[in-house]
Amino acid sequence: MTAKPRLPARERPITRQDRDGSTFLALGVVIAIASGLIALTAMVFPGLASVVGLMAAAGLFFVLHYVTWGRAMMNARAREGFQDEPLPTPPDPEGLGDQGDV
């Protein structure tokens, strides 16, 4: 059999900040798509606009609380000296791939 092509080694391990950024981007895309679908539905059912407005206000309320309390708790953790555990490093890809017919 022919040898499988090797992927280039990752220059640095994935950090928590990288994962958080990806999660935030995915959440933003989902919210944008859902908002568009709800807006189209509100055009068909005019009474739905007030319900959507109330739901948006409630969502904004929870987001503001999350941001406010999240920031306060992060500052409190920093003052008390808590540190997050480092993420595990991924396995070395050099030993992978030469396992015959897989």
Protein backbone atom coordinates (compact mmCIF):
# COMPACT_ATOMS: atom_id res chain seq x y z
CA MET A 1 0.00 0.00 0.00
CA THR A 2 1.06 3.55 -0.48
CA ALA A 3 2.08 5.60 2.49
CA LYS A 4 -0.55 7.93 3.84
CA PRO A 5 0.32 11.63 3.64
CA ARG A 6 1.30 13.14 6.94
CA LEU A 7 -0.34 16.27 8.19
CA PRO A 8 1.95 19.11 9.23
CA ALA A 9 2.59 19.34 12.95
CA ARG A 10 0.60 21.96 14.81
CA GLU A 11 2.81 24.88 15.76
CA ARG A 12 1.23 25.37 19.15
CA PRO A 13 -1.41 23.55 21.19
CA ILE A 14 -4.99 24.79 21.13
CA THR A 15 -5.49 27.23 23.98
CA ARG A 16 -8.59 27.93 25.99
CA GLN A 17 -8.86 31.32 24.30
CA ASP A 18 -8.95 29.62 20.88
CA ARG A 19 -11.75 27.31 21.98
CA ASP A 20 -13.72 30.15 23.58
CA GLY A 21 -13.45 32.24 20.42
CA SER A 22 -14.71 29.39 18.27
CA THR A 23 -17.61 28.76 20.64
CA PHE A 24 -18.56 32.44 20.61
CA LEU A 25 -18.45 32.55 16.81
CA ALA A 26 -20.61 29.43 16.49
CA LEU A 27 -23.12 30.80 19.00
CA GLY A 28 -23.28 34.10 17.11
CA VAL A 29 -23.98 32.32 13.81
CA VAL A 30 -26.73 30.21 15.37
CA ILE A 31 -28.34 33.28 16.93
CA ALA A 32 -28.15 35.18 13.62
CA ILE A 33 -29.81 32.36 11.68
CA ALA A 34 -32.49 31.88 14.34
CA SER A 35 -33.18 35.63 14.41
CA GLY A 36 -33.63 35.68 10.64
CA LEU A 37 -36.07 32.77 10.74
CA ILE A 38 -38.03 34.36 13.58
CA ALA A 39 -38.15 37.67 11.67
CA LEU A 40 -39.57 35.90 8.61
CA THR A 41 -42.16 34.17 10.80
CA ALA A 42 -43.08 37.51 12.42
CA MET A 43 -43.79 38.93 8.94
CA VAL A 44 -46.31 36.17 8.32
CA PHE A 45 -47.87 36.31 11.80
CA PRO A 46 -47.92 40.01 12.87
CA GLY A 47 -48.97 39.23 16.46
CA LEU A 48 -45.78 37.27 16.92
CA ALA A 49 -43.67 40.45 16.83
CA SER A 50 -44.63 41.43 20.39
CA VAL A 51 -43.86 37.94 21.68
CA VAL A 52 -40.50 38.00 19.90
CA GLY A 53 -39.79 41.43 21.42
CA LEU A 54 -40.50 40.14 24.92
CA MET A 55 -38.31 37.11 24.33
CA ALA A 56 -35.49 39.33 23.05
CA ALA A 57 -35.79 41.57 26.13
CA ALA A 58 -35.64 38.53 28.43
CA GLY A 59 -32.63 37.20 26.51
CA LEU A 60 -30.86 40.55 26.79
CA PHE A 61 -31.59 40.57 30.53
CA PHE A 62 -29.94 37.17 30.96
CA VAL A 63 -26.97 38.11 28.77
CA LEU A 64 -26.34 41.27 30.80
CA HIS A 65 -26.47 39.29 34.04
CA TYR A 66 -24.13 36.65 32.63
CA VAL A 67 -21.60 39.26 31.53
CA THR A 68 -21.87 41.24 34.78
CA TRP A 69 -21.63 38.28 37.15
CA GLY A 70 -19.09 36.47 34.99
CA ARG A 71 -16.76 39.45 35.07
CA ALA A 72 -17.27 39.91 38.82
CA MET A 73 -16.58 36.24 39.54
CA MET A 74 -13.46 36.22 37.33
CA ASN A 75 -12.12 39.25 39.20
CA ALA A 76 -12.91 37.60 42.55
CA ARG A 77 -11.09 34.42 41.48
CA ALA A 78 -8.09 36.46 40.39
CA ARG A 79 -7.98 38.31 43.73
CA GLU A 80 -8.11 35.03 45.65
CA GLY A 81 -5.31 33.53 43.58
CA PHE A 82 -7.21 30.74 41.78
CA GLN A 83 -5.62 29.51 38.58
CA ASP A 84 -7.11 27.29 35.91
CA GLU A 85 -5.42 23.99 35.20
CA PRO A 86 -3.50 23.98 31.91
CA LEU A 87 -5.04 22.12 28.99
CA PRO A 88 -3.45 18.76 28.13
CA THR A 89 -1.21 18.76 25.09
CA PRO A 90 -2.34 16.66 22.13
CA PRO A 91 -0.44 13.45 21.36
CA ASP A 92 2.58 13.62 19.10
CA PRO A 93 1.49 12.79 15.54
CA GLU A 94 4.92 11.38 14.61
CA GLY A 95 4.07 7.92 15.99
CA LEU A 96 0.65 7.77 14.34
CA GLY A 97 -0.22 6.71 10.82
CA ASP A 98 2.14 3.79 10.16
CA GLN A 99 -0.21 1.09 11.41
CA GLY A 100 -0.72 -0.88 8.20
CA ASP A 101 -4.13 -1.13 6.54
CA VAL A 102 -6.51 0.92 8.61
